[in-house]
Amino acid sequence: MQTTIGYYFEGWATGDTGKIGKAMHNTCHLKSFRDGKFNDISRTEYLSRFKPRPRPEGLTTRIVALDITENIASAKTEIDTGKDVFTDYFNLIKTDEGWFIVDKIAVRKSK
């Protein structure tokens, strides 16, 4: 599972949609509440927002907490850009092909 989350972190940091896509199941949706609006976007729409880029200097990522029961799990993660902290909660399922993020809720907090 940590490998899956690692693909997500590296893909997010570098805009590599292949790595992010490898971590996320095709059915994954990403949800947030921001500026008084509930947002629900598909995996395809989410991936379309990324462009390749060099990994930003000072960017840090970490798994804050994991809870695993057999082939399901939840993970709390953080991406700190130095300007903003993104906190993501992932729901994951392990299939015959490995672990996949099947749902994500997120919030961004400016420093």
PDB file of N, CA and C in Angstrom:
ATOM      1  N   MET A   1       0.808  -1.188   0.000  1.00  0.00           N
ATOM      2  CA  MET A   1       0.000   0.000   0.000  1.00  0.00           C
ATOM      3  C   MET A   1       0.856   1.260   0.000  1.00  0.00           C
ATOM      4  N   GLN A   2       1.958   1.225   0.734  1.00  0.00           N
ATOM      5  CA  GLN A   2       2.830   2.394   0.751  1.00  0.00           C
ATOM      6  C   GLN A   2       3.413   2.669  -0.630  1.00  0.00           C
ATOM      7  N   THR A   3       3.607   1.628  -1.423  1.00  0.00           N
ATOM      8  CA  THR A   3       4.082   1.809  -2.794  1.00  0.00           C
ATOM      9  C   THR A   3       3.046   2.577  -3.606  1.00  0.00           C
ATOM     10  N   THR A   4       1.780   2.210  -3.454  1.00  0.00           N
ATOM     11  CA  THR A   4       0.697   2.900  -4.165  1.00  0.00           C
ATOM     12  C   THR A   4       0.663   4.373  -3.791  1.00  0.00           C
ATOM     13  N   ILE A   5       0.730   4.651  -2.507  1.00  0.00           N
ATOM     14  CA  ILE A   5       0.725   6.047  -2.054  1.00  0.00           C
ATOM     15  C   ILE A   5       1.977   6.762  -2.544  1.00  0.00           C
ATOM     16  N   GLY A   6       3.093   6.059  -2.579  1.00  0.00           N
ATOM     17  CA  GLY A   6       4.329   6.633  -3.126  1.00  0.00           C
ATOM     18  C   GLY A   6       4.182   7.024  -4.591  1.00  0.00           C
ATOM     19  N   TYR A   7       3.512   6.190  -5.394  1.00  0.00           N
ATOM     20  CA  TYR A   7       3.238   6.556  -6.791  1.00  0.00           C
ATOM     21  C   TYR A   7       2.419   7.841  -6.844  1.00  0.00           C
ATOM     22  N   TYR A   8       1.413   7.928  -5.983  1.00  0.00           N
ATOM     23  CA  TYR A   8       0.583   9.127  -5.961  1.00  0.00           C
ATOM     24  C   TYR A   8       1.434  10.365  -5.620  1.00  0.00           C
ATOM     25  N   PHE A   9       2.231  10.265  -4.545  1.00  0.00           N
ATOM     26  CA  PHE A   9       3.071  11.394  -4.128  1.00  0.00           C
ATOM     27  C   PHE A   9       4.013  11.834  -5.253  1.00  0.00           C
ATOM     28  N   GLU A  10       4.717  10.875  -5.857  1.00  0.00           N
ATOM     29  CA  GLU A  10       5.695  11.213  -6.890  1.00  0.00           C
ATOM     30  C   GLU A  10       5.007  11.783  -8.126  1.00  0.00           C
ATOM     31  N   GLY A  11       3.882  11.188  -8.508  1.00  0.00           N
ATOM     32  CA  GLY A  11       3.138  11.711  -9.652  1.00  0.00           C
ATOM     33  C   GLY A  11       2.622  13.111  -9.403  1.00  0.00           C
ATOM     34  N   TRP A  12       2.102  13.356  -8.198  1.00  0.00           N
ATOM     35  CA  TRP A  12       1.599  14.687  -7.849  1.00  0.00           C
ATOM     36  C   TRP A  12       2.732  15.708  -7.898  1.00  0.00           C
ATOM     37  N   ALA A  13       3.874  15.337  -7.353  1.00  0.00           N
ATOM     38  CA  ALA A  13       5.013  16.261  -7.266  1.00  0.00           C
ATOM     39  C   ALA A  13       5.575  16.625  -8.640  1.00  0.00           C
ATOM     40  N   THR A  14       5.517  15.688  -9.578  1.00  0.00           N
ATOM     41  CA  THR A  14       6.154  15.906 -10.887  1.00  0.00           C
ATOM     42  C   THR A  14       5.166  16.032 -12.037  1.00  0.00           C
ATOM     43  N   GLY A  15       3.869  15.959 -11.727  1.00  0.00           N
ATOM     44  CA  GLY A  15       2.864  16.045 -12.783  1.00  0.00           C
ATOM     45  C   GLY A  15       2.807  14.803 -13.656  1.00  0.00           C
ATOM     46  N   ASP A  16       3.314  13.693 -13.148  1.00  0.00           N
ATOM     47  CA  ASP A  16       3.357  12.448 -13.914  1.00  0.00           C
ATOM     48  C   ASP A  16       2.026  11.710 -13.754  1.00  0.00           C
ATOM     49  N   THR A  17       1.135  11.873 -14.732  1.00  0.00           N
ATOM     50  CA  THR A  17      -0.190  11.262 -14.643  1.00  0.00           C
ATOM     51  C   THR A  17      -0.125   9.747 -14.742  1.00  0.00           C
ATOM     52  N   GLY A  18       0.940   9.203 -15.312  1.00  0.00           N
ATOM     53  CA  GLY A  18       1.108   7.751 -15.341  1.00  0.00           C
ATOM     54  C   GLY A  18       1.243   7.193 -13.940  1.00  0.00           C
ATOM     55  N   LYS A  19       2.027   7.882 -13.103  1.00  0.00           N
ATOM     56  CA  LYS A  19       2.215   7.425 -11.722  1.00  0.00           C
ATOM     57  C   LYS A  19       0.955   7.641 -10.888  1.00  0.00           C
ATOM     58  N   ILE A  20       0.335   8.810 -11.026  1.00  0.00           N
ATOM     59  CA  ILE A  20      -0.903   9.053 -10.280  1.00  0.00           C
ATOM     60  C   ILE A  20      -1.961   8.044 -10.723  1.00  0.00           C
ATOM     61  N   GLY A  21      -2.083   7.857 -12.027  1.00  0.00           N
ATOM     62  CA  GLY A  21      -3.065   6.928 -12.573  1.00  0.00           C
ATOM     63  C   GLY A  21      -2.837   5.498 -12.124  1.00  0.00           C
ATOM     64  N   LYS A  22      -1.588   5.117 -11.942  1.00  0.00           N
ATOM     65  CA  LYS A  22      -1.261   3.771 -11.471  1.00  0.00           C
ATOM     66  C   LYS A  22      -1.747   3.559 -10.035  1.00  0.00           C
ATOM     67  N   ALA A  23      -1.791   4.642  -9.260  1.00  0.00           N
ATOM     68  CA  ALA A  23      -2.212   4.556  -7.861  1.00  0.00           C
ATOM     69  C   ALA A  23      -3.730   4.565  -7.700  1.00  0.00           C
ATOM     70  N   MET A  24      -4.439   5.148  -8.656  1.00  0.00           N
ATOM     71  CA  MET A  24      -5.876   5.357  -8.519  1.00  0.00           C
ATOM     72  C   MET A  24      -6.675   4.382  -9.378  1.00  0.00           C
ATOM     73  N   HIS A  25      -7.650   3.757  -8.786  1.00  0.00           N
ATOM     74  CA  HIS A  25      -8.547   2.876  -9.534  1.00  0.00           C
ATOM     75  C   HIS A  25      -9.357   3.720 -10.522  1.00  0.00           C
ATOM     76  N   ASN A  26      -9.761   3.108 -11.616  1.00  0.00           N
ATOM     77  CA  ASN A  26     -10.523   3.827 -12.650  1.00  0.00           C
ATOM     78  C   ASN A  26     -11.815   4.431 -12.128  1.00  0.00           C
ATOM     79  N   THR A  27     -12.372   3.874 -11.066  1.00  0.00           N
ATOM     80  CA  THR A  27     -13.639   4.372 -10.524  1.00  0.00           C
ATOM     81  C   THR A  27     -13.455   5.464  -9.478  1.00  0.00           C
ATOM     82  N   CYS A  28     -12.225   5.821  -9.180  1.00  0.00           N
ATOM     83  CA  CYS A  28     -11.935   6.777  -8.110  1.00  0.00           C
ATOM     84  C   CYS A  28     -12.550   8.145  -8.398  1.00  0.00           C
ATOM     85  N   HIS A  29     -13.108   8.735  -7.350  1.00  0.00           N
ATOM     86  CA  HIS A  29     -13.582  10.114  -7.406  1.00  0.00           C
ATOM     87  C   HIS A  29     -12.883  10.894  -6.303  1.00  0.00           C
ATOM     88  N   LEU A  30     -12.719  12.182  -6.538  1.00  0.00           N
ATOM     89  CA  LEU A  30     -12.029  13.052  -5.595  1.00  0.00           C
ATOM     90  C   LEU A  30     -13.013  14.118  -5.141  1.00  0.00           C
ATOM     91  N   LYS A  31     -13.135  14.264  -3.836  1.00  0.00           N
ATOM     92  CA  LYS A  31     -14.134  15.153  -3.282  1.00  0.00           C
ATOM     93  C   LYS A  31     -13.496  16.177  -2.349  1.00  0.00           C
ATOM     94  N   SER A  32     -14.086  17.375  -2.361  1.00  0.00           N
ATOM     95  CA  SER A  32     -13.641  18.423  -1.453  1.00  0.00           C
ATOM     96  C   SER A  32     -14.791  19.407  -1.254  1.00  0.00           C
ATOM     97  N   PHE A  33     -14.650  20.245  -0.248  1.00  0.00           N
ATOM     98  CA  PHE A  33     -15.601  21.328  -0.004  1.00  0.00           C
ATOM     99  C   PHE A  33     -14.761  22.578   0.128  1.00  0.00           C
ATOM    100  N   ARG A  34     -14.971  23.521  -0.794  1.00  0.00           N
ATOM    101  CA  ARG A  34     -14.136  24.714  -0.825  1.00  0.00           C
ATOM    102  C   ARG A  34     -14.942  25.899  -1.329  1.00  0.00           C
ATOM    103  N   ASP A  35     -14.733  27.038  -0.711  1.00  0.00           N
ATOM    104  CA  ASP A  35     -15.424  28.267  -1.092  1.00  0.00           C
ATOM    105  C   ASP A  35     -16.940  28.065  -1.125  1.00  0.00           C
ATOM    106  N   GLY A  36     -17.451  27.318  -0.133  1.00  0.00           N
ATOM    107  CA  GLY A  36     -18.880  27.099  -0.027  1.00  0.00           C
ATOM    108  C   GLY A  36     -19.457  26.135  -1.043  1.00  0.00           C
ATOM    109  N   LYS A  37     -18.586  25.386  -1.723  1.00  0.00           N
ATOM    110  CA  LYS A  37     -19.052  24.501  -2.785  1.00  0.00           C
ATOM    111  C   LYS A  37     -18.497  23.096  -2.599  1.00  0.00           C
ATOM    112  N   PHE A  38     -19.382  22.097  -2.741  1.00  0.00           N
ATOM    113  CA  PHE A  38     -18.971  20.698  -2.738  1.00  0.00           C
ATOM    114  C   PHE A  38     -18.472  20.342  -4.127  1.00  0.00           C
ATOM    115  N   ASN A  39     -17.293  19.755  -4.208  1.00  0.00           N
ATOM    116  CA  ASN A  39     -16.692  19.379  -5.485  1.00  0.00           C
ATOM    117  C   ASN A  39     -16.520  17.871  -5.545  1.00  0.00           C
ATOM    118  N   ASP A  40     -16.891  17.283  -6.669  1.00  0.00           N
ATOM    119  CA  ASP A  40     -16.755  15.848  -6.897  1.00  0.00           C
ATOM    120  C   ASP A  40     -16.267  15.689  -8.329  1.00  0.00           C
ATOM    121  N   ILE A  41     -15.005  15.264  -8.474  1.00  0.00           N
ATOM    122  CA  ILE A  41     -14.466  15.136  -9.825  1.00  0.00           C
ATOM    123  C   ILE A  41     -14.002  13.704 -10.073  1.00  0.00           C
ATOM    124  N   SER A  42     -14.079  13.321 -11.318  1.00  0.00           N
ATOM    125  CA  SER A  42     -13.670  11.970 -11.707  1.00  0.00           C
ATOM    126  C   SER A  42     -12.145  11.887 -11.777  1.00  0.00           C
ATOM    127  N   ARG A  43     -11.668  10.686 -11.805  1.00  0.00           N
ATOM    128  CA  ARG A  43     -10.232  10.423 -11.962  1.00  0.00           C
ATOM    129  C   ARG A  43      -9.726  11.056 -13.261  1.00  0.00           C
ATOM    130  N   THR A  44     -10.483  10.891 -14.346  1.00  0.00           N
ATOM    131  CA  THR A  44     -10.077  11.439 -15.648  1.00  0.00           C
ATOM    132  C   THR A  44      -9.932  12.952 -15.586  1.00  0.00           C
ATOM    133  N   GLU A  45     -10.916  13.631 -14.997  1.00  0.00           N
ATOM    134  CA  GLU A  45     -10.837  15.087 -14.880  1.00  0.00           C
ATOM    135  C   GLU A  45      -9.666  15.499 -13.993  1.00  0.00           C
ATOM    136  N   TYR A  46      -9.472  14.793 -12.892  1.00  0.00           N
ATOM    137  CA  TYR A  46      -8.368  15.104 -11.980  1.00  0.00           C
ATOM    138  C   TYR A  46      -7.025  14.980 -12.700  1.00  0.00           C
ATOM    139  N   LEU A  47      -6.829  13.879 -13.403  1.00  0.00           N
ATOM    140  CA  LEU A  47      -5.561  13.670 -14.109  1.00  0.00           C
ATOM    141  C   LEU A  47      -5.327  14.730 -15.171  1.00  0.00           C
ATOM    142  N   SER A  48      -6.387  15.239 -15.778  1.00  0.00           N
ATOM    143  CA  SER A  48      -6.238  16.250 -16.833  1.00  0.00           C
ATOM    144  C   SER A  48      -5.697  17.576 -16.305  1.00  0.00           C
ATOM    145  N   ARG A  49      -5.711  17.758 -15.020  1.00  0.00           N
ATOM    146  CA  ARG A  49      -5.235  19.014 -14.408  1.00  0.00           C
ATOM    147  C   ARG A  49      -3.719  19.050 -14.200  1.00  0.00           C
ATOM    148  N   PHE A  50      -3.044  17.936 -14.436  1.00  0.00           N
ATOM    149  CA  PHE A  50      -1.604  17.862 -14.201  1.00  0.00           C
ATOM    150  C   PHE A  50      -0.827  18.042 -15.495  1.00  0.00           C
ATOM    151  N   LYS A  51       0.290  18.741 -15.391  1.00  0.00           N
ATOM    152  CA  LYS A  51       1.246  18.893 -16.487  1.00  0.00           C
ATOM    153  C   LYS A  51       2.624  18.525 -15.953  1.00  0.00           C
ATOM    154  N   PRO A  52       3.460  17.864 -16.762  1.00  0.00           N
ATOM    155  CA  PRO A  52       4.811  17.508 -16.293  1.00  0.00           C
ATOM    156  C   PRO A  52       5.579  18.738 -15.819  1.00  0.00           C
ATOM    157  N   ARG A  53       6.309  18.556 -14.725  1.00  0.00           N
ATOM    158  CA  ARG A  53       7.098  19.652 -14.151  1.00  0.00           C
ATOM    159  C   ARG A  53       8.212  19.055 -13.299  1.00  0.00           C
ATOM    160  N   PRO A  54       9.241  19.836 -13.042  1.00  0.00           N
ATOM    161  CA  PRO A  54      10.273  19.362 -12.105  1.00  0.00           C
ATOM    162  C   PRO A  54       9.686  19.299 -10.693  1.00  0.00           C
ATOM    163  N   ARG A  55      10.196  18.368  -9.906  1.00  0.00           N
ATOM    164  CA  ARG A  55       9.747  18.269  -8.515  1.00  0.00           C
ATOM    165  C   ARG A  55      10.098  19.569  -7.792  1.00  0.00           C
ATOM    166  N   PRO A  56       9.114  20.232  -7.164  1.00  0.00           N
ATOM    167  CA  PRO A  56       9.401  21.498  -6.478  1.00  0.00           C
ATOM    168  C   PRO A  56      10.380  21.312  -5.326  1.00  0.00           C
ATOM    169  N   GLU A  57      11.296  22.264  -5.197  1.00  0.00           N
ATOM    170  CA  GLU A  57      12.241  22.236  -4.085  1.00  0.00           C
ATOM    171  C   GLU A  57      11.495  22.408  -2.777  1.00  0.00           C
ATOM    172  N   GLY A  58      11.876  21.653  -1.783  1.00  0.00           N
ATOM    173  CA  GLY A  58      11.290  21.793  -0.457  1.00  0.00           C
ATOM    174  C   GLY A  58       9.962  21.075  -0.270  1.00  0.00           C
ATOM    175  N   LEU A  59       9.431  20.465  -1.315  1.00  0.00           N
ATOM    176  CA  LEU A  59       8.174  19.732  -1.198  1.00  0.00           C
ATOM    177  C   LEU A  59       8.386  18.509  -0.314  1.00  0.00           C
ATOM    178  N   THR A  60       7.488  18.314   0.653  1.00  0.00           N
ATOM    179  CA  THR A  60       7.564  17.120   1.496  1.00  0.00           C
ATOM    180  C   THR A  60       6.233  16.383   1.450  1.00  0.00           C
ATOM    181  N   THR A  61       6.310  15.080   1.570  1.00  0.00           N
ATOM    182  CA  THR A  61       5.120  14.234   1.591  1.00  0.00           C
ATOM    183  C   THR A  61       5.255  13.270   2.762  1.00  0.00           C
ATOM    184  N   ARG A  62       4.102  12.889   3.322  1.00  0.00           N
ATOM    185  CA  ARG A  62       4.170  11.908   4.398  1.00  0.00           C
ATOM    186  C   ARG A  62       2.829  11.222   4.585  1.00  0.00           C
ATOM    187  N   ILE A  63       2.920   9.995   5.026  1.00  0.00           N
ATOM    188  CA  ILE A  63       1.745   9.257   5.462  1.00  0.00           C
ATOM    189  C   ILE A  63       1.599   9.539   6.955  1.00  0.00           C
ATOM    190  N   VAL A  64       0.498  10.147   7.326  1.00  0.00           N
ATOM    191  CA  VAL A  64       0.260  10.526   8.711  1.00  0.00           C
ATOM    192  C   VAL A  64      -0.290   9.346   9.506  1.00  0.00           C
ATOM    193  N   ALA A  65      -1.226   8.605   8.895  1.00  0.00           N
ATOM    194  CA  ALA A  65      -1.854   7.485   9.593  1.00  0.00           C
ATOM    195  C   ALA A  65      -2.361   6.459   8.585  1.00  0.00           C
ATOM    196  N   LEU A  66      -2.319   5.188   9.001  1.00  0.00           N
ATOM    197  CA  LEU A  66      -2.854   4.085   8.201  1.00  0.00           C
ATOM    198  C   LEU A  66      -3.761   3.246   9.077  1.00  0.00           C
ATOM    199  N   ASP A  67      -4.844   2.765   8.505  1.00  0.00           N
ATOM    200  CA  ASP A  67      -5.727   1.822   9.181  1.00  0.00           C
ATOM    201  C   ASP A  67      -6.053   0.737   8.162  1.00  0.00           C
ATOM    202  N   ILE A  68      -5.639  -0.503   8.439  1.00  0.00           N
ATOM    203  CA  ILE A  68      -5.764  -1.595   7.480  1.00  0.00           C
ATOM    204  C   ILE A  68      -6.571  -2.736   8.099  1.00  0.00           C
ATOM    205  N   THR A  69      -7.551  -3.225   7.359  1.00  0.00           N
ATOM    206  CA  THR A  69      -8.309  -4.413   7.729  1.00  0.00           C
ATOM    207  C   THR A  69      -8.378  -5.304   6.499  1.00  0.00           C
ATOM    208  N   GLU A  70      -7.634  -6.385   6.540  1.00  0.00           N
ATOM    209  CA  GLU A  70      -7.565  -7.340   5.432  1.00  0.00           C
ATOM    210  C   GLU A  70      -7.233  -6.630   4.118  1.00  0.00           C
ATOM    211  N   ASN A  71      -8.185  -6.550   3.183  1.00  0.00           N
ATOM    212  CA  ASN A  71      -7.856  -5.954   1.881  1.00  0.00           C
ATOM    213  C   ASN A  71      -8.440  -4.551   1.699  1.00  0.00           C
ATOM    214  N   ILE A  72      -8.794  -3.884   2.803  1.00  0.00           N
ATOM    215  CA  ILE A  72      -9.242  -2.493   2.726  1.00  0.00           C
ATOM    216  C   ILE A  72      -8.416  -1.653   3.683  1.00  0.00           C
ATOM    217  N   ALA A  73      -8.324  -0.369   3.370  1.00  0.00           N
ATOM    218  CA  ALA A  73      -7.515   0.517   4.209  1.00  0.00           C
ATOM    219  C   ALA A  73      -7.946   1.968   4.034  1.00  0.00           C
ATOM    220  N   SER A  74      -7.570   2.763   5.016  1.00  0.00           N
ATOM    221  CA  SER A  74      -7.681   4.212   4.885  1.00  0.00           C
ATOM    222  C   SER A  74      -6.329   4.800   5.256  1.00  0.00           C
ATOM    223  N   ALA A  75      -6.009   5.892   4.595  1.00  0.00           N
ATOM    224  CA  ALA A  75      -4.729   6.556   4.848  1.00  0.00           C
ATOM    225  C   ALA A  75      -4.944   8.064   4.904  1.00  0.00           C
ATOM    226  N   LYS A  76      -4.331   8.684   5.891  1.00  0.00           N
ATOM    227  CA  LYS A  76      -4.284  10.145   5.966  1.00  0.00           C
ATOM    228  C   LYS A  76      -2.891  10.546   5.515  1.00  0.00           C
ATOM    229  N   THR A  77      -2.821  11.442   4.527  1.00  0.00           N
ATOM    230  CA  THR A  77      -1.525  11.862   3.997  1.00  0.00           C
ATOM    231  C   THR A  77      -1.441  13.379   3.934  1.00  0.00           C
ATOM    232  N   GLU A  78      -0.216  13.876   3.835  1.00  0.00           N
ATOM    233  CA  GLU A  78       0.015  15.314   3.675  1.00  0.00           C
ATOM    234  C   GLU A  78       1.055  15.565   2.598  1.00  0.00           C
ATOM    235  N   ILE A  79       0.793  16.596   1.827  1.00  0.00           N
ATOM    236  CA  ILE A  79       1.770  17.136   0.882  1.00  0.00           C
ATOM    237  C   ILE A  79       1.968  18.587   1.284  1.00  0.00           C
ATOM    238  N   ASP A  80       3.203  18.929   1.639  1.00  0.00           N
ATOM    239  CA  ASP A  80       3.541  20.289   2.070  1.00  0.00           C
ATOM    240  C   ASP A  80       4.391  20.935   0.991  1.00  0.00           C
ATOM    241  N   THR A  81       3.847  21.979   0.374  1.00  0.00           N
ATOM    242  CA  THR A  81       4.568  22.664  -0.710  1.00  0.00           C
ATOM    243  C   THR A  81       5.425  23.810  -0.204  1.00  0.00           C
ATOM    244  N   GLY A  82       5.331  24.104   1.097  1.00  0.00           N
ATOM    245  CA  GLY A  82       6.007  25.270   1.651  1.00  0.00           C
ATOM    246  C   GLY A  82       5.060  26.458   1.711  1.00  0.00           C
ATOM    247  N   LYS A  83       4.103  26.506   0.795  1.00  0.00           N
ATOM    248  CA  LYS A  83       3.090  27.562   0.753  1.00  0.00           C
ATOM    249  C   LYS A  83       1.739  27.037   1.249  1.00  0.00           C
ATOM    250  N   ASP A  84       1.427  25.801   0.857  1.00  0.00           N
ATOM    251  CA  ASP A  84       0.166  25.160   1.219  1.00  0.00           C
ATOM    252  C   ASP A  84       0.427  23.760   1.754  1.00  0.00           C
ATOM    253  N   VAL A  85      -0.510  23.288   2.571  1.00  0.00           N
ATOM    254  CA  VAL A  85      -0.490  21.892   3.016  1.00  0.00           C
ATOM    255  C   VAL A  85      -1.782  21.257   2.513  1.00  0.00           C
ATOM    256  N   PHE A  86      -1.625  20.196   1.728  1.00  0.00           N
ATOM    257  CA  PHE A  86      -2.750  19.423   1.232  1.00  0.00           C
ATOM    258  C   PHE A  86      -2.891  18.192   2.121  1.00  0.00           C
ATOM    259  N   THR A  87      -4.044  18.028   2.732  1.00  0.00           N
ATOM    260  CA  THR A  87      -4.326  16.842   3.525  1.00  0.00           C
ATOM    261  C   THR A  87      -5.322  16.004   2.744  1.00  0.00           C
ATOM    262  N   ASP A  88      -4.955  14.762   2.490  1.00  0.00           N
ATOM    263  CA  ASP A  88      -5.800  13.834   1.749  1.00  0.00           C
ATOM    264  C   ASP A  88      -6.123  12.641   2.629  1.00  0.00           C
ATOM    265  N   TYR A  89      -7.349  12.196   2.532  1.00  0.00           N
ATOM    266  CA  TYR A  89      -7.771  10.934   3.123  1.00  0.00           C
ATOM    267  C   TYR A  89      -8.102  10.003   1.966  1.00  0.00           C
ATOM    268  N   PHE A  90      -7.390   8.902   1.883  1.00  0.00           N
ATOM    269  CA  PHE A  90      -7.600   7.909   0.831  1.00  0.00           C
ATOM    270  C   PHE A  90      -8.314   6.695   1.406  1.00  0.00           C
ATOM    271  N   ASN A  91      -9.282   6.167   0.660  1.00  0.00           N
ATOM    272  CA  ASN A  91      -9.796   4.823   0.901  1.00  0.00           C
ATOM    273  C   ASN A  91      -9.150   3.947  -0.154  1.00  0.00           C
ATOM    274  N   LEU A  92      -8.610   2.815   0.278  1.00  0.00           N
ATOM    275  CA  LEU A  92      -7.897   1.921  -0.631  1.00  0.00           C
ATOM    276  C   LEU A  92      -8.459   0.510  -0.548  1.00  0.00           C
ATOM    277  N   ILE A  93      -8.361  -0.205  -1.665  1.00  0.00           N
ATOM    278  CA  ILE A  93      -8.747  -1.609  -1.721  1.00  0.00           C
ATOM    279  C   ILE A  93      -7.619  -2.372  -2.406  1.00  0.00           C
ATOM    280  N   LYS A  94      -7.305  -3.546  -1.851  1.00  0.00           N
ATOM    281  CA  LYS A  94      -6.320  -4.424  -2.470  1.00  0.00           C
ATOM    282  C   LYS A  94      -7.056  -5.438  -3.335  1.00  0.00           C
ATOM    283  N   THR A  95      -6.711  -5.473  -4.617  1.00  0.00           N
ATOM    284  CA  THR A  95      -7.291  -6.426  -5.559  1.00  0.00           C
ATOM    285  C   THR A  95      -6.209  -7.433  -5.938  1.00  0.00           C
ATOM    286  N   ASP A  96      -6.515  -8.310  -6.868  1.00  0.00           N
ATOM    287  CA  ASP A  96      -5.506  -9.248  -7.368  1.00  0.00           C
ATOM    288  C   ASP A  96      -4.363  -8.514  -8.057  1.00  0.00           C
ATOM    289  N   GLU A  97      -4.600  -7.263  -8.457  1.00  0.00           N
ATOM    290  CA  GLU A  97      -3.573  -6.452  -9.130  1.00  0.00           C
ATOM    291  C   GLU A  97      -2.809  -5.547  -8.170  1.00  0.00           C
ATOM    292  N   GLY A  98      -3.165  -5.550  -6.896  1.00  0.00           N
ATOM    293  CA  GLY A  98      -2.482  -4.717  -5.912  1.00  0.00           C
ATOM    294  C   GLY A  98      -3.422  -3.701  -5.285  1.00  0.00           C
ATOM    295  N   TRP A  99      -2.836  -2.767  -4.536  1.00  0.00           N
ATOM    296  CA  TRP A  99      -3.598  -1.736  -3.836  1.00  0.00           C
ATOM    297  C   TRP A  99      -3.942  -0.599  -4.788  1.00  0.00           C
ATOM    298  N   PHE A 100      -5.160  -0.047  -4.628  1.00  0.00           N
ATOM    299  CA  PHE A 100      -5.604   1.105  -5.411  1.00  0.00           C
ATOM    300  C   PHE A 100      -6.331   2.091  -4.508  1.00  0.00           C
ATOM    301  N   ILE A 101      -6.117   3.369  -4.778  1.00  0.00           N
ATOM    302  CA  ILE A 101      -6.928   4.416  -4.145  1.00  0.00           C
ATOM    303  C   ILE A 101      -8.274   4.386  -4.863  1.00  0.00           C
ATOM    304  N   VAL A 102      -9.365   4.189  -4.102  1.00  0.00           N
ATOM    305  CA  VAL A 102     -10.685   4.113  -4.719  1.00  0.00           C
ATOM    306  C   VAL A 102     -11.537   5.342  -4.409  1.00  0.00           C
ATOM    307  N   ASP A 103     -11.078   6.165  -3.466  1.00  0.00           N
ATOM    308  CA  ASP A 103     -11.814   7.365  -3.106  1.00  0.00           C
ATOM    309  C   ASP A 103     -10.847   8.299  -2.386  1.00  0.00           C
ATOM    310  N   LYS A 104     -11.037   9.596  -2.608  1.00  0.00           N
ATOM    311  CA  LYS A 104     -10.153  10.578  -1.969  1.00  0.00           C
ATOM    312  C   LYS A 104     -10.980  11.784  -1.556  1.00  0.00           C
ATOM    313  N   ILE A 105     -10.786  12.241  -0.317  1.00  0.00           N
ATOM    314  CA  ILE A 105     -11.304  13.543   0.097  1.00  0.00           C
ATOM    315  C   ILE A 105     -10.100  14.377   0.475  1.00  0.00           C
ATOM    316  N   ALA A 106     -10.198  15.679   0.221  1.00  0.00           N
ATOM    317  CA  ALA A 106      -9.019  16.516   0.377  1.00  0.00           C
ATOM    318  C   ALA A 106      -9.374  17.917   0.847  1.00  0.00           C
ATOM    319  N   VAL A 107      -8.381  18.530   1.485  1.00  0.00           N
ATOM    320  CA  VAL A 107      -8.483  19.928   1.871  1.00  0.00           C
ATOM    321  C   VAL A 107      -7.105  20.566   1.694  1.00  0.00           C
ATOM    322  N   ARG A 108      -7.096  21.845   1.322  1.00  0.00           N
ATOM    323  CA  ARG A 108      -5.847  22.602   1.195  1.00  0.00           C
ATOM    324  C   ARG A 108      -5.894  23.750   2.199  1.00  0.00           C
ATOM    325  N   LYS A 109      -4.789  23.894   2.929  1.00  0.00           N
ATOM    326  CA  LYS A 109      -4.684  24.982   3.901  1.00  0.00           C
ATOM    327  C   LYS A 109      -3.443  25.795   3.568  1.00  0.00           C
ATOM    328  N   SER A 110      -3.635  27.092   3.394  1.00  0.00           N
ATOM    329  CA  SER A 110      -2.490  27.981   3.155  1.00  0.00           C
ATOM    330  C   SER A 110      -1.752  28.205   4.451  1.00  0.00           C
ATOM    331  N   LYS A 111      -0.421  28.313   4.333  1.00  0.00           N
ATOM    332  CA  LYS A 111       0.395  28.539   5.532  1.00  0.00           C
ATOM    333  C   LYS A 111       0.400  30.007   5.896  1.00  0.00           C
TER     334      LYS A 111
END
